[in-house]
Amino acid sequence: MIRHSAIALTGLLLLTSTASAETPRAAWINAKCALCHGMDGSSETDTGRKVKAPDLRAPKTQNRTDEELSAIILAGHKGMPSFRKQADAEKVRTLVTYIRGLAKK
């Protein structure tokens, strides 16, 4: 019984720490990216369709280099605002990794 409780407690702690680690990234994406690109990167939002935001899952986006994606995040691109003053290098790397994870399978 003690062993099962310890395993359950360990799992709960891992789940809680993982969720906490994701919170800042999810909050940033929700606040800065999701309005146009959606949380799934599809750009199927009212604003995304209006401004013709690119689908972040599409090959055109996924074929860009990490450096190109980083430059777009920092400088802005075709109506997308610059996030240079708001995103440090670590946050940009995190966003590029997030974008890579959206690739259509």
PDB file of N, CA and C in Angstrom:
ATOM      1  N   MET A   1       0.818  -1.191   0.000  1.00  0.00           N
ATOM      2  CA  MET A   1       0.000   0.000   0.000  1.00  0.00           C
ATOM      3  C   MET A   1       0.859   1.252   0.000  1.00  0.00           C
ATOM      4  N   ILE A   2       1.908   1.244   0.816  1.00  0.00           N
ATOM      5  CA  ILE A   2       2.794   2.411   0.889  1.00  0.00           C
ATOM      6  C   ILE A   2       3.477   2.628  -0.463  1.00  0.00           C
ATOM      7  N   ARG A   3       3.893   1.544  -1.087  1.00  0.00           N
ATOM      8  CA  ARG A   3       4.568   1.669  -2.383  1.00  0.00           C
ATOM      9  C   ARG A   3       3.633   2.291  -3.427  1.00  0.00           C
ATOM     10  N   HIS A   4       2.377   1.856  -3.484  1.00  0.00           N
ATOM     11  CA  HIS A   4       1.414   2.414  -4.436  1.00  0.00           C
ATOM     12  C   HIS A   4       1.176   3.897  -4.166  1.00  0.00           C
ATOM     13  N   SER A   5       1.107   4.260  -2.895  1.00  0.00           N
ATOM     14  CA  SER A   5       0.922   5.666  -2.526  1.00  0.00           C
ATOM     15  C   SER A   5       2.118   6.492  -2.958  1.00  0.00           C
ATOM     16  N   ALA A   6       3.318   5.953  -2.774  1.00  0.00           N
ATOM     17  CA  ALA A   6       4.531   6.663  -3.168  1.00  0.00           C
ATOM     18  C   ALA A   6       4.592   6.852  -4.680  1.00  0.00           C
ATOM     19  N   ILE A   7       4.200   5.822  -5.408  1.00  0.00           N
ATOM     20  CA  ILE A   7       4.186   5.919  -6.872  1.00  0.00           C
ATOM     21  C   ILE A   7       3.156   6.949  -7.312  1.00  0.00           C
ATOM     22  N   ALA A   8       1.986   6.914  -6.717  1.00  0.00           N
ATOM     23  CA  ALA A   8       0.941   7.881  -7.072  1.00  0.00           C
ATOM     24  C   ALA A   8       1.385   9.302  -6.749  1.00  0.00           C
ATOM     25  N   LEU A   9       2.018   9.489  -5.586  1.00  0.00           N
ATOM     26  CA  LEU A   9       2.489  10.807  -5.187  1.00  0.00           C
ATOM     27  C   LEU A   9       3.582  11.302  -6.142  1.00  0.00           C
ATOM     28  N   THR A  10       4.493  10.420  -6.517  1.00  0.00           N
ATOM     29  CA  THR A  10       5.547  10.786  -7.465  1.00  0.00           C
ATOM     30  C   THR A  10       4.952  11.197  -8.800  1.00  0.00           C
ATOM     31  N   GLY A  11       3.975  10.434  -9.292  1.00  0.00           N
ATOM     32  CA  GLY A  11       3.311  10.778 -10.550  1.00  0.00           C
ATOM     33  C   GLY A  11       2.617  12.113 -10.471  1.00  0.00           C
ATOM     34  N   LEU A  12       1.944  12.371  -9.365  1.00  0.00           N
ATOM     35  CA  LEU A  12       1.250  13.640  -9.178  1.00  0.00           C
ATOM     36  C   LEU A  12       2.240  14.799  -9.157  1.00  0.00           C
ATOM     37  N   LEU A  13       3.355  14.625  -8.464  1.00  0.00           N
ATOM     38  CA  LEU A  13       4.374  15.676  -8.409  1.00  0.00           C
ATOM     39  C   LEU A  13       4.960  15.940  -9.793  1.00  0.00           C
ATOM     40  N   LEU A  14       5.223  14.897 -10.551  1.00  0.00           N
ATOM     41  CA  LEU A  14       5.748  15.077 -11.904  1.00  0.00           C
ATOM     42  C   LEU A  14       4.741  15.791 -12.789  1.00  0.00           C
ATOM     43  N   LEU A  15       3.480  15.405 -12.706  1.00  0.00           N
ATOM     44  CA  LEU A  15       2.432  16.038 -13.492  1.00  0.00           C
ATOM     45  C   LEU A  15       2.301  17.507 -13.121  1.00  0.00           C
ATOM     46  N   THR A  16       2.306  17.797 -11.818  1.00  0.00           N
ATOM     47  CA  THR A  16       2.184  19.174 -11.350  1.00  0.00           C
ATOM     48  C   THR A  16       3.375  20.003 -11.796  1.00  0.00           C
ATOM     49  N   SER A  17       4.598  19.471 -11.674  1.00  0.00           N
ATOM     50  CA  SER A  17       5.775  20.243 -12.064  1.00  0.00           C
ATOM     51  C   SER A  17       5.810  20.448 -13.570  1.00  0.00           C
ATOM     52  N   THR A  18       5.357  19.464 -14.343  1.00  0.00           N
ATOM     53  CA  THR A  18       5.307  19.613 -15.793  1.00  0.00           C
ATOM     54  C   THR A  18       4.298  20.682 -16.177  1.00  0.00           C
ATOM     55  N   ALA A  19       3.139  20.663 -15.566  1.00  0.00           N
ATOM     56  CA  ALA A  19       2.111  21.659 -15.872  1.00  0.00           C
ATOM     57  C   ALA A  19       2.604  23.050 -15.510  1.00  0.00           C
ATOM     58  N   SER A  20       3.295  23.178 -14.365  1.00  0.00           N
ATOM     59  CA  SER A  20       3.814  24.473 -13.952  1.00  0.00           C
ATOM     60  C   SER A  20       4.871  24.968 -14.927  1.00  0.00           C
ATOM     61  N   ALA A  21       5.716  24.048 -15.420  1.00  0.00           N
ATOM     62  CA  ALA A  21       6.770  24.437 -16.357  1.00  0.00           C
ATOM     63  C   ALA A  21       6.181  24.922 -17.679  1.00  0.00           C
ATOM     64  N   GLU A  22       5.018  24.401 -18.061  1.00  0.00           N
ATOM     65  CA  GLU A  22       4.396  24.784 -19.313  1.00  0.00           C
ATOM     66  C   GLU A  22       3.640  26.115 -19.213  1.00  0.00           C
ATOM     67  N   THR A  23       3.272  26.515 -18.035  1.00  0.00           N
ATOM     68  CA  THR A  23       2.424  27.683 -17.847  1.00  0.00           C
ATOM     69  C   THR A  23       2.983  28.960 -18.465  1.00  0.00           C
ATOM     70  N   PRO A  24       4.240  29.335 -18.231  1.00  0.00           N
ATOM     71  CA  PRO A  24       4.726  30.588 -18.842  1.00  0.00           C
ATOM     72  C   PRO A  24       4.681  30.559 -20.369  1.00  0.00           C
ATOM     73  N   ARG A  25       5.059  29.445 -20.980  1.00  0.00           N
ATOM     74  CA  ARG A  25       5.026  29.348 -22.442  1.00  0.00           C
ATOM     75  C   ARG A  25       3.591  29.437 -22.939  1.00  0.00           C
ATOM     76  N   ALA A  26       2.701  28.693 -22.307  1.00  0.00           N
ATOM     77  CA  ALA A  26       1.297  28.721 -22.732  1.00  0.00           C
ATOM     78  C   ALA A  26       0.711  30.109 -22.553  1.00  0.00           C
ATOM     79  N   ALA A  27       1.064  30.777 -21.465  1.00  0.00           N
ATOM     80  CA  ALA A  27       0.560  32.134 -21.232  1.00  0.00           C
ATOM     81  C   ALA A  27       1.069  33.091 -22.300  1.00  0.00           C
ATOM     82  N   TRP A  28       2.341  32.984 -22.651  1.00  0.00           N
ATOM     83  CA  TRP A  28       2.921  33.847 -23.690  1.00  0.00           C
ATOM     84  C   TRP A  28       2.234  33.584 -25.026  1.00  0.00           C
ATOM     85  N   ILE A  29       2.102  32.332 -25.393  1.00  0.00           N
ATOM     86  CA  ILE A  29       1.478  31.974 -26.675  1.00  0.00           C
ATOM     87  C   ILE A  29       0.032  32.445 -26.706  1.00  0.00           C
ATOM     88  N   ASN A  30      -0.675  32.243 -25.618  1.00  0.00           N
ATOM     89  CA  ASN A  30      -2.063  32.681 -25.561  1.00  0.00           C
ATOM     90  C   ASN A  30      -2.168  34.201 -25.694  1.00  0.00           C
ATOM     91  N   ALA A  31      -1.270  34.918 -25.042  1.00  0.00           N
ATOM     92  CA  ALA A  31      -1.322  36.383 -25.049  1.00  0.00           C
ATOM     93  C   ALA A  31      -0.790  36.997 -26.337  1.00  0.00           C
ATOM     94  N   LYS A  32       0.217  36.412 -26.928  1.00  0.00           N
ATOM     95  CA  LYS A  32       0.907  37.053 -28.049  1.00  0.00           C
ATOM     96  C   LYS A  32       0.697  36.396 -29.403  1.00  0.00           C
ATOM     97  N   CYS A  33       0.436  35.103 -29.433  1.00  0.00           N
ATOM     98  CA  CYS A  33       0.407  34.371 -30.697  1.00  0.00           C
ATOM     99  C   CYS A  33      -0.978  33.857 -31.087  1.00  0.00           C
ATOM    100  N   ALA A  34      -1.723  33.393 -30.094  1.00  0.00           N
ATOM    101  CA  ALA A  34      -2.970  32.661 -30.366  1.00  0.00           C
ATOM    102  C   ALA A  34      -4.054  33.514 -31.012  1.00  0.00           C
ATOM    103  N   LEU A  35      -4.060  34.806 -30.780  1.00  0.00           N
ATOM    104  CA  LEU A  35      -5.085  35.656 -31.375  1.00  0.00           C
ATOM    105  C   LEU A  35      -5.107  35.488 -32.892  1.00  0.00           C
ATOM    106  N   CYS A  36      -3.945  35.450 -33.494  1.00  0.00           N
ATOM    107  CA  CYS A  36      -3.852  35.307 -34.953  1.00  0.00           C
ATOM    108  C   CYS A  36      -3.585  33.869 -35.396  1.00  0.00           C
ATOM    109  N   HIS A  37      -2.686  33.176 -34.703  1.00  0.00           N
ATOM    110  CA  HIS A  37      -2.258  31.849 -35.152  1.00  0.00           C
ATOM    111  C   HIS A  37      -3.038  30.708 -34.499  1.00  0.00           C
ATOM    112  N   GLY A  38      -3.777  30.995 -33.427  1.00  0.00           N
ATOM    113  CA  GLY A  38      -4.462  29.941 -32.690  1.00  0.00           C
ATOM    114  C   GLY A  38      -3.470  29.133 -31.881  1.00  0.00           C
ATOM    115  N   MET A  39      -3.940  28.463 -30.856  1.00  0.00           N
ATOM    116  CA  MET A  39      -3.046  27.645 -30.021  1.00  0.00           C
ATOM    117  C   MET A  39      -2.492  26.463 -30.807  1.00  0.00           C
ATOM    118  N   ASP A  40      -3.192  26.047 -31.849  1.00  0.00           N
ATOM    119  CA  ASP A  40      -2.731  24.906 -32.648  1.00  0.00           C
ATOM    120  C   ASP A  40      -1.901  25.334 -33.857  1.00  0.00           C
ATOM    121  N   GLY A  41      -1.722  26.645 -34.032  1.00  0.00           N
ATOM    122  CA  GLY A  41      -0.912  27.147 -35.145  1.00  0.00           C
ATOM    123  C   GLY A  41      -1.627  27.215 -36.475  1.00  0.00           C
ATOM    124  N   SER A  42      -2.904  26.843 -36.524  1.00  0.00           N
ATOM    125  CA  SER A  42      -3.636  26.757 -37.791  1.00  0.00           C
ATOM    126  C   SER A  42      -4.003  28.115 -38.394  1.00  0.00           C
ATOM    127  N   SER A  43      -4.018  29.145 -37.570  1.00  0.00           N
ATOM    128  CA  SER A  43      -4.438  30.496 -37.969  1.00  0.00           C
ATOM    129  C   SER A  43      -5.917  30.552 -38.316  1.00  0.00           C
ATOM    130  N   GLU A  44      -6.667  29.548 -37.877  1.00  0.00           N
ATOM    131  CA  GLU A  44      -8.114  29.503 -38.112  1.00  0.00           C
ATOM    132  C   GLU A  44      -8.844  30.226 -36.988  1.00  0.00           C
ATOM    133  N   THR A  45      -8.501  31.498 -36.821  1.00  0.00           N
ATOM    134  CA  THR A  45      -9.196  32.363 -35.875  1.00  0.00           C
ATOM    135  C   THR A  45      -9.779  33.514 -36.679  1.00  0.00           C
ATOM    136  N   ASP A  46     -10.717  34.231 -36.107  1.00  0.00           N
ATOM    137  CA  ASP A  46     -11.294  35.373 -36.827  1.00  0.00           C
ATOM    138  C   ASP A  46     -10.202  36.361 -37.224  1.00  0.00           C
ATOM    139  N   THR A  47      -9.332  36.690 -36.276  1.00  0.00           N
ATOM    140  CA  THR A  47      -8.252  37.635 -36.566  1.00  0.00           C
ATOM    141  C   THR A  47      -7.252  37.040 -37.544  1.00  0.00           C
ATOM    142  N   GLY A  48      -6.924  35.772 -37.364  1.00  0.00           N
ATOM    143  CA  GLY A  48      -5.973  35.105 -38.259  1.00  0.00           C
ATOM    144  C   GLY A  48      -6.429  35.126 -39.705  1.00  0.00           C
ATOM    145  N   ARG A  49      -7.718  34.855 -39.915  1.00  0.00           N
ATOM    146  CA  ARG A  49      -8.257  34.902 -41.285  1.00  0.00           C
ATOM    147  C   ARG A  49      -8.252  36.340 -41.811  1.00  0.00           C
ATOM    148  N   LYS A  50      -8.605  37.278 -40.959  1.00  0.00           N
ATOM    149  CA  LYS A  50      -8.671  38.687 -41.368  1.00  0.00           C
ATOM    150  C   LYS A  50      -7.306  39.217 -41.812  1.00  0.00           C
ATOM    151  N   VAL A  51      -6.266  38.888 -41.055  1.00  0.00           N
ATOM    152  CA  VAL A  51      -4.924  39.406 -41.381  1.00  0.00           C
ATOM    153  C   VAL A  51      -4.112  38.434 -42.234  1.00  0.00           C
ATOM    154  N   LYS A  52      -4.746  37.305 -42.591  1.00  0.00           N
ATOM    155  CA  LYS A  52      -4.088  36.285 -43.418  1.00  0.00           C
ATOM    156  C   LYS A  52      -2.792  35.778 -42.768  1.00  0.00           C
ATOM    157  N   ALA A  53      -2.890  35.485 -41.478  1.00  0.00           N
ATOM    158  CA  ALA A  53      -1.740  34.943 -40.751  1.00  0.00           C
ATOM    159  C   ALA A  53      -1.410  33.565 -41.311  1.00  0.00           C
ATOM    160  N   PRO A  54      -0.140  33.259 -41.477  1.00  0.00           N
ATOM    161  CA  PRO A  54       0.222  31.949 -42.024  1.00  0.00           C
ATOM    162  C   PRO A  54      -0.044  30.813 -41.041  1.00  0.00           C
ATOM    163  N   ASP A  55      -0.350  29.661 -41.590  1.00  0.00           N
ATOM    164  CA  ASP A  55      -0.511  28.436 -40.817  1.00  0.00           C
ATOM    165  C   ASP A  55       0.890  28.007 -40.387  1.00  0.00           C
ATOM    166  N   LEU A  56       1.142  27.995 -39.090  1.00  0.00           N
ATOM    167  CA  LEU A  56       2.475  27.654 -38.593  1.00  0.00           C
ATOM    168  C   LEU A  56       2.806  26.179 -38.763  1.00  0.00           C
ATOM    169  N   ARG A  57       1.797  25.368 -39.077  1.00  0.00           N
ATOM    170  CA  ARG A  57       2.008  23.931 -39.281  1.00  0.00           C
ATOM    171  C   ARG A  57       2.396  23.609 -40.716  1.00  0.00           C
ATOM    172  N   ALA A  58       2.161  24.553 -41.619  1.00  0.00           N
ATOM    173  CA  ALA A  58       2.333  24.321 -43.053  1.00  0.00           C
ATOM    174  C   ALA A  58       3.806  24.204 -43.451  1.00  0.00           C
ATOM    175  N   PRO A  59       4.073  23.461 -44.518  1.00  0.00           N
ATOM    176  CA  PRO A  59       5.445  23.306 -44.994  1.00  0.00           C
ATOM    177  C   PRO A  59       6.167  24.639 -45.234  1.00  0.00           C
ATOM    178  N   LYS A  60       5.454  25.631 -45.748  1.00  0.00           N
ATOM    179  CA  LYS A  60       6.100  26.925 -46.011  1.00  0.00           C
ATOM    180  C   LYS A  60       6.739  27.495 -44.742  1.00  0.00           C
ATOM    181  N   THR A  61       6.049  27.356 -43.619  1.00  0.00           N
ATOM    182  CA  THR A  61       6.604  27.823 -42.346  1.00  0.00           C
ATOM    183  C   THR A  61       7.627  26.830 -41.818  1.00  0.00           C
ATOM    184  N   GLN A  62       7.286  25.563 -41.837  1.00  0.00           N
ATOM    185  CA  GLN A  62       8.168  24.538 -41.271  1.00  0.00           C
ATOM    186  C   GLN A  62       9.492  24.404 -42.034  1.00  0.00           C
ATOM    187  N   ASN A  63       9.509  24.798 -43.312  1.00  0.00           N
ATOM    188  CA  ASN A  63      10.739  24.717 -44.097  1.00  0.00           C
ATOM    189  C   ASN A  63      11.692  25.880 -43.831  1.00  0.00           C
ATOM    190  N   ARG A  64      11.242  26.883 -43.104  1.00  0.00           N
ATOM    191  CA  ARG A  64      12.134  27.982 -42.729  1.00  0.00           C
ATOM    192  C   ARG A  64      13.137  27.461 -41.708  1.00  0.00           C
ATOM    193  N   THR A  65      14.309  28.065 -41.709  1.00  0.00           N
ATOM    194  CA  THR A  65      15.315  27.681 -40.714  1.00  0.00           C
ATOM    195  C   THR A  65      14.925  28.249 -39.352  1.00  0.00           C
ATOM    196  N   ASP A  66      15.536  27.709 -38.312  1.00  0.00           N
ATOM    197  CA  ASP A  66      15.304  28.244 -36.971  1.00  0.00           C
ATOM    198  C   ASP A  66      15.693  29.719 -36.909  1.00  0.00           C
ATOM    199  N   GLU A  67      16.757  30.063 -37.608  1.00  0.00           N
ATOM    200  CA  GLU A  67      17.206  31.449 -37.627  1.00  0.00           C
ATOM    201  C   GLU A  67      16.174  32.355 -38.307  1.00  0.00           C
ATOM    202  N   GLU A  68      15.567  31.875 -39.386  1.00  0.00           N
ATOM    203  CA  GLU A  68      14.529  32.668 -40.061  1.00  0.00           C
ATOM    204  C   GLU A  68      13.313  32.858 -39.159  1.00  0.00           C
ATOM    205  N   LEU A  69      12.887  31.792 -38.497  1.00  0.00           N
ATOM    206  CA  LEU A  69      11.748  31.908 -37.596  1.00  0.00           C
ATOM    207  C   LEU A  69      12.071  32.857 -36.438  1.00  0.00           C
ATOM    208  N   SER A  70      13.270  32.755 -35.904  1.00  0.00           N
ATOM    209  CA  SER A  70      13.693  33.646 -34.821  1.00  0.00           C
ATOM    210  C   SER A  70      13.679  35.097 -35.274  1.00  0.00           C
ATOM    211  N   ALA A  71      14.178  35.342 -36.467  1.00  0.00           N
ATOM    212  CA  ALA A  71      14.212  36.706 -37.005  1.00  0.00           C
ATOM    213  C   ALA A  71      12.798  37.258 -37.188  1.00  0.00           C
ATOM    214  N   ILE A  72      11.878  36.424 -37.632  1.00  0.00           N
ATOM    215  CA  ILE A  72      10.487  36.859 -37.807  1.00  0.00           C
ATOM    216  C   ILE A  72       9.866  37.202 -36.450  1.00  0.00           C
ATOM    217  N   ILE A  73      10.099  36.366 -35.459  1.00  0.00           N
ATOM    218  CA  ILE A  73       9.563  36.634 -34.120  1.00  0.00           C
ATOM    219  C   ILE A  73      10.123  37.952 -33.597  1.00  0.00           C
ATOM    220  N   LEU A  74      11.396  38.171 -33.772  1.00  0.00           N
ATOM    221  CA  LEU A  74      12.027  39.375 -33.239  1.00  0.00           C
ATOM    222  C   LEU A  74      11.699  40.638 -34.027  1.00  0.00           C
ATOM    223  N   ALA A  75      11.703  40.551 -35.351  1.00  0.00           N
ATOM    224  CA  ALA A  75      11.534  41.745 -36.181  1.00  0.00           C
ATOM    225  C   ALA A  75      10.097  41.963 -36.648  1.00  0.00           C
ATOM    226  N   GLY A  76       9.277  40.916 -36.601  1.00  0.00           N
ATOM    227  CA  GLY A  76       7.942  41.005 -37.179  1.00  0.00           C
ATOM    228  C   GLY A  76       8.028  40.690 -38.666  1.00  0.00           C
ATOM    229  N   HIS A  77       6.845  40.563 -39.301  1.00  0.00           N
ATOM    230  CA  HIS A  77       6.853  40.167 -40.710  1.00  0.00           C
ATOM    231  C   HIS A  77       5.452  40.346 -41.285  1.00  0.00           C
ATOM    232  N   LYS A  78       5.335  41.075 -42.367  1.00  0.00           N
ATOM    233  CA  LYS A  78       4.060  41.232 -43.086  1.00  0.00           C
ATOM    234  C   LYS A  78       2.870  41.472 -42.157  1.00  0.00           C
ATOM    235  N   GLY A  79       2.958  42.486 -41.345  1.00  0.00           N
ATOM    236  CA  GLY A  79       1.868  42.834 -40.444  1.00  0.00           C
ATOM    237  C   GLY A  79       1.991  42.249 -39.047  1.00  0.00           C
ATOM    238  N   MET A  80       2.831  41.245 -38.870  1.00  0.00           N
ATOM    239  CA  MET A  80       3.050  40.713 -37.531  1.00  0.00           C
ATOM    240  C   MET A  80       3.965  41.668 -36.780  1.00  0.00           C
ATOM    241  N   PRO A  81       3.599  42.032 -35.565  1.00  0.00           N
ATOM    242  CA  PRO A  81       4.443  42.967 -34.819  1.00  0.00           C
ATOM    243  C   PRO A  81       5.760  42.333 -34.378  1.00  0.00           C
ATOM    244  N   SER A  82       6.723  43.192 -34.107  1.00  0.00           N
ATOM    245  CA  SER A  82       8.006  42.764 -33.567  1.00  0.00           C
ATOM    246  C   SER A  82       7.852  42.430 -32.088  1.00  0.00           C
ATOM    247  N   PHE A  83       8.533  41.389 -31.666  1.00  0.00           N
ATOM    248  CA  PHE A  83       8.552  41.047 -30.250  1.00  0.00           C
ATOM    249  C   PHE A  83       9.958  41.197 -29.673  1.00  0.00           C
ATOM    250  N   ARG A  84      10.797  41.978 -30.339  1.00  0.00           N
ATOM    251  CA  ARG A  84      12.188  42.183 -29.920  1.00  0.00           C
ATOM    252  C   ARG A  84      12.284  42.681 -28.475  1.00  0.00           C
ATOM    253  N   LYS A  85      11.415  43.591 -28.089  1.00  0.00           N
ATOM    254  CA  LYS A  85      11.494  44.164 -26.743  1.00  0.00           C
ATOM    255  C   LYS A  85      10.873  43.251 -25.692  1.00  0.00           C
ATOM    256  N   GLN A  86      10.107  42.256 -26.109  1.00  0.00           N
ATOM    257  CA  GLN A  86       9.395  41.406 -25.168  1.00  0.00           C
ATOM    258  C   GLN A  86       9.957  39.997 -25.050  1.00  0.00           C
ATOM    259  N   ALA A  87      10.725  39.555 -26.032  1.00  0.00           N
ATOM    260  CA  ALA A  87      11.189  38.169 -26.046  1.00  0.00           C
ATOM    261  C   ALA A  87      12.706  38.106 -25.990  1.00  0.00           C
ATOM    262  N   ASP A  88      13.222  37.494 -24.928  1.00  0.00           N
ATOM    263  CA  ASP A  88      14.662  37.282 -24.859  1.00  0.00           C
ATOM    264  C   ASP A  88      15.023  36.059 -25.697  1.00  0.00           C
ATOM    265  N   ALA A  89      16.315  35.795 -25.816  1.00  0.00           N
ATOM    266  CA  ALA A  89      16.790  34.696 -26.670  1.00  0.00           C
ATOM    267  C   ALA A  89      16.193  33.353 -26.251  1.00  0.00           C
ATOM    268  N   GLU A  90      16.081  33.120 -24.956  1.00  0.00           N
ATOM    269  CA  GLU A  90      15.525  31.845 -24.486  1.00  0.00           C
ATOM    270  C   GLU A  90      14.053  31.709 -24.882  1.00  0.00           C
ATOM    271  N   LYS A  91      13.301  32.775 -24.765  1.00  0.00           N
ATOM    272  CA  LYS A  91      11.884  32.730 -25.125  1.00  0.00           C
ATOM    273  C   LYS A  91      11.735  32.495 -26.630  1.00  0.00           C
ATOM    274  N   VAL A  92      12.581  33.121 -27.425  1.00  0.00           N
ATOM    275  CA  VAL A  92      12.522  32.921 -28.878  1.00  0.00           C
ATOM    276  C   VAL A  92      12.823  31.466 -29.213  1.00  0.00           C
ATOM    277  N   ARG A  93      13.837  30.888 -28.592  1.00  0.00           N
ATOM    278  CA  ARG A  93      14.153  29.465 -28.825  1.00  0.00           C
ATOM    279  C   ARG A  93      12.969  28.582 -28.437  1.00  0.00           C
ATOM    280  N   THR A  94      12.324  28.908 -27.330  1.00  0.00           N
ATOM    281  CA  THR A  94      11.164  28.150 -26.883  1.00  0.00           C
ATOM    282  C   THR A  94      10.033  28.243 -27.903  1.00  0.00           C
ATOM    283  N   LEU A  95       9.813  29.441 -28.439  1.00  0.00           N
ATOM    284  CA  LEU A  95       8.757  29.614 -29.437  1.00  0.00           C
ATOM    285  C   LEU A  95       9.070  28.866 -30.726  1.00  0.00           C
ATOM    286  N   VAL A  96      10.320  28.900 -31.150  1.00  0.00           N
ATOM    287  CA  VAL A  96      10.705  28.158 -32.359  1.00  0.00           C
ATOM    288  C   VAL A  96      10.489  26.662 -32.133  1.00  0.00           C
ATOM    289  N   THR A  97      10.857  26.172 -30.974  1.00  0.00           N
ATOM    290  CA  THR A  97      10.631  24.764 -30.651  1.00  0.00           C
ATOM    291  C   THR A  97       9.141  24.443 -30.666  1.00  0.00           C
ATOM    292  N   TYR A  98       8.331  25.341 -30.121  1.00  0.00           N
ATOM    293  CA  TYR A  98       6.878  25.164 -30.120  1.00  0.00           C
ATOM    294  C   TYR A  98       6.356  25.102 -31.557  1.00  0.00           C
ATOM    295  N   ILE A  99       6.817  26.017 -32.408  1.00  0.00           N
ATOM    296  CA  ILE A  99       6.387  26.040 -33.804  1.00  0.00           C
ATOM    297  C   ILE A  99       6.765  24.730 -34.492  1.00  0.00           C
ATOM    298  N   ARG A 100       7.959  24.241 -34.233  1.00  0.00           N
ATOM    299  CA  ARG A 100       8.399  22.962 -34.832  1.00  0.00           C
ATOM    300  C   ARG A 100       7.481  21.825 -34.394  1.00  0.00           C
ATOM    301  N   GLY A 101       6.983  21.883 -33.178  1.00  0.00           N
ATOM    302  CA  GLY A 101       6.104  20.845 -32.664  1.00  0.00           C
ATOM    303  C   GLY A 101       4.707  20.879 -33.284  1.00  0.00           C
ATOM    304  N   LEU A 102       4.386  21.962 -33.997  1.00  0.00           N
ATOM    305  CA  LEU A 102       3.077  22.082 -34.628  1.00  0.00           C
ATOM    306  C   LEU A 102       3.009  21.462 -36.029  1.00  0.00           C
ATOM    307  N   ALA A 103       4.145  21.039 -36.544  1.00  0.00           N
ATOM    308  CA  ALA A 103       4.204  20.518 -37.914  1.00  0.00           C
ATOM    309  C   ALA A 103       3.105  19.500 -38.182  1.00  0.00           C
ATOM    310  N   LYS A 104       2.461  19.627 -39.319  1.00  0.00           N
ATOM    311  CA  LYS A 104       1.429  18.662 -39.698  1.00  0.00           C
ATOM    312  C   LYS A 104       2.060  17.304 -39.856  1.00  0.00           C
ATOM    313  N   LYS A 105       1.397  16.322 -39.362  1.00  0.00           N
ATOM    314  CA  LYS A 105       1.944  14.957 -39.446  1.00  0.00           C
ATOM    315  C   LYS A 105       1.399  14.237 -40.646  1.00  0.00           C
TER     316      LYS A 105
END
